[in-house]
Protein backbone atom coordinates (compact mmCIF):
# COMPACT_ATOMS: atom_id res chain seq x y z
CA UNK A 1 0.58 -5.49 13.93
CA UNK A 2 4.27 -5.27 13.02
CA UNK A 3 6.67 -7.82 14.43
CA UNK A 4 10.35 -8.10 13.64
CA UNK A 5 11.93 -11.40 14.69
CA UNK A 6 15.62 -10.84 13.99
CA UNK A 7 18.31 -9.66 14.50
CA UNK A 8 16.45 -7.82 17.30
CA UNK A 9 12.84 -8.36 18.34
CA UNK A 10 10.62 -5.34 17.75
CA UNK A 11 6.81 -5.06 17.84
CA UNK A 12 4.20 -2.30 17.63
CA UNK A 13 0.84 -1.33 16.10
CA UNK A 14 -1.00 1.82 14.98
CA UNK A 15 -4.58 2.71 14.09
CA UNK A 16 -5.29 4.36 10.73
CA UNK A 17 -8.02 4.49 8.09
CA UNK A 18 -7.82 3.90 4.35
CA UNK A 19 -9.96 4.44 1.29
CA UNK A 20 -11.12 1.46 -0.76
CA UNK A 21 -12.44 2.83 -4.04
CA UNK A 22 -13.34 1.75 -7.55
CA UNK A 23 -10.88 3.84 -9.59
CA UNK A 24 -13.55 4.41 -12.26
CA UNK A 25 -15.93 5.87 -9.68
CA UNK A 26 -13.67 8.62 -8.35
CA UNK A 27 -15.31 11.50 -10.31
CA UNK A 28 -18.75 10.36 -9.17
CA UNK A 29 -17.63 10.13 -5.54
CA UNK A 30 -16.41 13.72 -5.81
CA UNK A 31 -19.84 14.84 -7.03
CA UNK A 32 -21.77 12.89 -4.38
CA UNK A 33 -19.77 13.73 -1.24
CA UNK A 34 -19.00 17.21 0.05
CA UNK A 35 -15.99 16.01 2.07
CA UNK A 36 -14.38 13.93 -0.72
CA UNK A 37 -12.28 15.83 -3.26
CA UNK A 38 -10.92 14.26 -6.44
CA UNK A 39 -7.92 15.97 -8.06
CA UNK A 40 -8.70 19.21 -6.26
CA UNK A 41 -7.81 20.76 -2.89
CA UNK A 42 -9.65 19.73 0.24
CA UNK A 43 -9.01 18.51 3.76
CA UNK A 44 -9.54 14.94 2.50
CA UNK A 45 -8.72 14.31 -1.15
CA UNK A 46 -7.55 11.76 -3.69
CA UNK A 47 -5.14 12.76 -6.46
CA UNK A 48 -4.20 10.59 -9.43
CA UNK A 49 -0.66 11.98 -9.35
CA UNK A 50 -0.04 10.26 -6.01
CA UNK A 51 -0.23 6.84 -7.72
CA UNK A 52 0.65 4.92 -10.87
CA UNK A 53 2.64 6.99 -13.37
CA UNK A 54 2.62 9.92 -10.91
CA UNK A 55 1.86 12.41 -13.69
CA UNK A 56 -1.80 13.13 -12.90
CA UNK A 57 -3.23 10.99 -15.71
CA UNK A 58 -6.05 8.51 -14.95
CA UNK A 59 -4.94 5.33 -13.20
CA UNK A 60 -6.85 2.75 -15.25
CA UNK A 61 -4.63 2.89 -18.38
CA UNK A 62 -1.51 2.48 -16.23
CA UNK A 63 -2.93 -0.57 -14.42
CA UNK A 64 -4.22 -2.04 -17.69
CA UNK A 65 -0.75 -1.75 -19.25
CA UNK A 66 0.75 -3.60 -16.30
CA UNK A 67 -1.85 -6.33 -16.57
CA UNK A 68 -1.33 -6.66 -20.34
CA UNK A 69 2.45 -6.91 -19.93
CA UNK A 70 1.89 -9.81 -17.54
CA UNK A 71 -0.68 -11.54 -19.74
CA UNK A 72 -3.48 -10.73 -17.28
CA UNK A 73 -5.63 -8.39 -19.35
CA UNK A 74 -8.82 -10.19 -18.31
CA UNK A 75 -8.19 -9.06 -14.72
CA UNK A 76 -8.89 -5.42 -15.58
CA UNK A 77 -12.70 -5.52 -15.66
CA UNK A 78 -13.00 -3.72 -12.32
CA UNK A 79 -10.10 -2.25 -10.36
CA UNK A 80 -10.30 -1.19 -6.71
CA UNK A 81 -7.55 0.67 -4.86
CA UNK A 82 -6.78 0.50 -1.14
CA UNK A 83 -4.70 3.47 0.00
CA UNK A 84 -4.43 6.49 2.26
CA UNK A 85 -6.11 9.71 1.10
CA UNK A 86 -4.45 13.08 1.28
CA UNK A 87 -5.19 14.93 4.50
CA UNK A 88 -4.62 18.69 4.47
CA UNK A 89 -2.96 18.23 1.08
CA UNK A 90 -0.41 15.65 2.23
CA UNK A 91 -0.20 11.89 1.83
CA UNK A 92 2.42 9.27 2.57
CA UNK A 93 1.46 5.97 0.91
CA UNK A 94 4.13 3.36 1.60
CA UNK A 95 1.97 0.60 0.15
CA UNK A 96 -1.08 0.91 -2.10
CA UNK A 97 -2.93 -2.24 -3.20
CA UNK A 98 -4.89 -2.57 -6.44
CA UNK A 99 -7.45 -5.41 -6.45
CA UNK A 100 -8.13 -6.44 -10.07
CA UNK A 101 -11.32 -8.38 -10.87
CA UNK A 102 -12.34 -10.23 -14.02
CA UNK A 103 -15.73 -10.07 -15.78
CA UNK A 104 -17.10 -12.84 -13.54
CA UNK A 105 -16.36 -10.78 -10.44
CA UNK A 106 -13.48 -12.99 -9.30
CA UNK A 107 -10.29 -11.48 -7.95
CA UNK A 108 -7.73 -12.32 -10.66
CA UNK A 109 -4.65 -10.24 -9.80
CA UNK A 110 -3.24 -7.91 -7.15
CA UNK A 111 -0.83 -5.08 -7.86
CA UNK A 112 1.27 -3.91 -4.89
CA UNK A 113 2.49 -0.35 -5.47
CA UNK A 114 5.45 0.38 -3.20
CA UNK A 115 7.24 3.66 -2.54
CA UNK A 116 10.36 4.41 -0.51
CA UNK A 117 11.64 7.44 1.34
CA UNK A 118 14.30 7.95 -1.35
CA UNK A 119 11.83 9.07 -4.03
CA UNK A 120 11.39 5.77 -5.87
CA UNK A 121 8.48 3.49 -6.71
CA UNK A 122 8.06 -0.13 -7.72
CA UNK A 123 5.10 -2.37 -8.55
CA UNK A 124 4.75 -6.07 -7.84
CA UNK A 125 1.96 -7.62 -9.94
CA UNK A 126 0.91 -11.12 -8.88
CA UNK A 127 -1.87 -13.36 -10.20
CA UNK A 128 -4.50 -14.83 -7.88
CA UNK A 129 -5.15 -18.54 -8.26
CA UNK A 130 -8.38 -20.36 -7.46
CA UNK A 131 -11.76 -18.70 -7.01
CA UNK A 132 -10.34 -15.34 -5.92
CA UNK A 133 -11.87 -15.44 -2.44
CA UNK A 134 -8.38 -15.38 -0.92
CA UNK A 135 -4.93 -14.75 -2.33
CA UNK A 136 -1.72 -16.49 -1.33
CA UNK A 137 1.32 -15.71 -3.44
CA UNK A 138 4.89 -14.48 -3.17
CA UNK A 139 7.83 -12.92 -4.96
CA UNK A 140 11.47 -12.00 -4.57
CA UNK A 141 12.27 -8.58 -3.17
CA UNK A 142 13.29 -6.31 -6.03
CA UNK A 143 13.17 -2.87 -4.44
CA UNK A 144 15.19 -1.19 -1.69
CA UNK A 145 12.83 -0.07 1.02
CA UNK A 146 14.47 0.20 4.41
CA UNK A 147 18.09 0.46 5.53
CA UNK A 148 17.24 -2.18 8.16
CA UNK A 149 16.07 -4.91 5.75
CA UNK A 150 18.29 -6.92 3.44
CA UNK A 151 17.66 -7.08 -0.32
CA UNK A 152 18.30 -10.84 -0.31
CA UNK A 153 14.70 -11.46 0.70
CA UNK A 154 11.36 -12.75 -0.46
CA UNK A 155 7.79 -11.83 0.41
CA UNK A 156 4.79 -14.05 1.06
CA UNK A 157 1.36 -12.41 0.88
CA UNK A 158 -1.90 -13.74 2.25
CA UNK A 159 -4.86 -11.48 1.58
CA UNK A 160 -8.58 -11.81 2.04
CA UNK A 161 -10.07 -9.22 -0.34
CA UNK A 162 -12.10 -6.46 1.27
CA UNK A 163 -15.66 -7.47 2.04
CA UNK A 164 -17.11 -6.59 5.41
CA UNK A 165 -13.55 -6.97 6.72
CA UNK A 166 -10.05 -6.71 5.32
CA UNK A 167 -7.15 -8.99 6.22
CA UNK A 168 -3.63 -8.55 4.82
CA UNK A 169 -0.69 -10.61 6.07
CA UNK A 170 2.85 -10.14 4.73
CA UNK A 171 5.85 -12.21 5.75
CA UNK A 172 9.41 -11.37 4.77
CA UNK A 173 12.20 -13.94 4.80
CA UNK A 174 15.85 -12.94 4.64
CA UNK A 175 18.07 -15.72 3.26
CA UNK A 176 15.37 -18.23 4.12
CA UNK A 177 14.84 -17.06 7.73
CA UNK A 178 11.56 -15.39 8.63
CA UNK A 179 12.45 -11.85 9.70
CA UNK A 180 9.32 -9.71 9.54
CA UNK A 181 5.59 -10.28 9.95
CA UNK A 182 3.16 -7.45 9.22
CA UNK A 183 -0.61 -7.48 9.17
CA UNK A 184 -3.37 -5.05 8.34
CA UNK A 185 -6.91 -5.69 9.52
CA UNK A 186 -9.92 -3.47 9.20
CA UNK A 187 -13.70 -3.21 9.18
CA UNK A 188 -15.54 -1.76 6.23
CA UNK A 189 -17.50 1.49 6.57
CA UNK A 190 -19.68 3.02 3.89
CA UNK A 191 -18.10 6.02 2.22
CA UNK A 192 -20.39 8.83 3.29
CA UNK A 193 -19.90 12.38 4.49
CA UNK A 194 -20.82 11.29 8.01
CA UNK A 195 -18.17 8.54 8.06
CA UNK A 196 -15.60 10.78 6.41
CA UNK A 197 -16.23 13.36 9.12
CA UNK A 198 -15.77 10.74 11.84
CA UNK A 199 -12.52 9.55 10.24
CA UNK A 200 -11.19 13.09 9.99
CA UNK A 201 -12.07 13.90 13.59
CA UNK A 202 -10.54 10.63 14.81
CA UNK A 203 -7.37 10.86 12.67
CA UNK A 204 -6.95 14.53 11.65
CA UNK A 205 -3.17 14.29 11.06
CA UNK A 206 -2.92 10.62 10.16
CA UNK A 207 -0.77 10.99 7.04
CA UNK A 208 1.70 13.15 8.95
CA UNK A 209 1.70 10.58 11.77
CA UNK A 210 2.71 7.90 9.28
CA UNK A 211 5.96 9.56 8.28
CA UNK A 212 6.80 10.54 11.87
CA UNK A 213 6.17 6.95 12.99
CA UNK A 214 8.44 5.56 10.27
CA UNK A 215 11.37 7.64 11.47
CA UNK A 216 10.60 7.01 15.15
CA UNK A 217 10.59 3.23 14.65
CA UNK A 218 13.78 3.49 12.57
CA UNK A 219 15.43 5.31 15.46
CA UNK A 220 14.33 2.56 17.85
CA UNK A 221 15.79 -0.13 15.56
CA UNK A 222 19.08 1.77 15.34
CA UNK A 223 19.10 2.09 19.15
CA UNK A 224 18.66 -1.70 19.41
CA UNK A 225 21.73 -2.20 17.26
CA UNK A 226 20.07 -3.43 14.05
CA UNK A 227 22.75 -2.99 11.35
CA UNK A 228 22.29 -0.51 8.51
CA UNK A 229 22.26 -1.89 4.96
CA UNK A 230 23.37 0.55 2.24
CA UNK A 231 21.25 1.19 -0.82
CA UNK A 232 22.41 -0.95 -3.77
CA UNK A 233 23.47 0.69 -7.01
CA UNK A 234 21.03 0.84 -9.91
CA UNK A 235 22.93 -1.99 -11.58
CA UNK A 236 22.05 -4.22 -8.62
CA UNK A 237 18.33 -3.40 -8.75
CA UNK A 238 17.50 -3.40 -12.42
CA UNK A 239 13.75 -3.87 -11.96
CA UNK A 240 13.21 -0.78 -9.83
CA UNK A 241 11.09 1.94 -11.43
CA UNK A 242 13.57 4.79 -11.03
CA UNK A 243 11.54 7.09 -13.25
CA UNK A 244 8.58 7.16 -10.88
CA UNK A 245 9.16 9.59 -8.05
CA UNK A 246 7.56 8.60 -4.71
CA UNK A 247 7.51 9.35 -1.03
CA UNK A 248 7.94 6.19 1.10
CA UNK A 249 8.30 2.39 1.09
CA UNK A 250 7.15 -1.18 1.72
CA UNK A 251 9.10 -2.15 4.83
CA UNK A 252 8.51 1.37 6.05
CA UNK A 253 4.83 0.85 5.35
CA UNK A 254 4.84 -2.00 7.82
CA UNK A 255 6.26 0.36 10.40
CA UNK A 256 3.71 3.05 9.62
CA UNK A 257 0.61 1.06 8.78
CA UNK A 258 0.71 -2.27 10.55
CA UNK A 259 -2.92 -2.15 11.57
CA UNK A 260 -5.83 -0.88 9.52
CA UNK A 261 -8.44 0.59 11.79
CA UNK A 262 -11.19 1.05 9.21
CA UNK A 263 -11.80 1.18 5.48
CA UNK A 264 -14.07 3.71 3.85
CA UNK A 265 -15.60 2.40 0.64
CA UNK A 266 -18.61 3.12 -1.57
């Protein structure tokens, strides 16, 4: 569900599916499943170059560096990634979420990897307090995502890590006023060729639908008179990862992926 509260009310939802995978298990998943392709062509595939440093290198070293920079090295024992796969060679991942677990199996940190439609990428890395069974944390917005959302904003995340079900709730406040509420919910399905086939038959052009939906919802917002906010200069957004080229974005992700229909995981 995606609900905008101001300056114009706007609400919608879509059904999609995502992968939830242990990033260390990707080669093994490729060997075990005929319909899953890792770093090679296929109707449904996962490519390292769609994430992290975007250069095709393995993802674990990139995540581990981020964790070490934040003093969270212990959170890198196991790392799971929630994201869209490529379909027919194409993917549009506005928001990818890395769940980072410590040696005791507790969720210790979450890395939110965000892309925008202007070819940029940014990562928000936030620790998880308590026993790791649920995460509630927040941060200031540091990355330009949508021309309809102000940079003077903050995010609040509430996430129940994927078990049998997934629940992600994100609230955005602009100058202290709640402006956007987005949620993703889903039910877990075993990653098998049978379930991959069902997902492909049910959502054969899902990744293309995502980008079309982003622009369609943007047109609707413009039609409702929501003002356009220009992209700030690089001097105004010093923490943005300009060197990492991407495809889409966080606020746009809420337009494209407000509801998670199912998660395919090992």
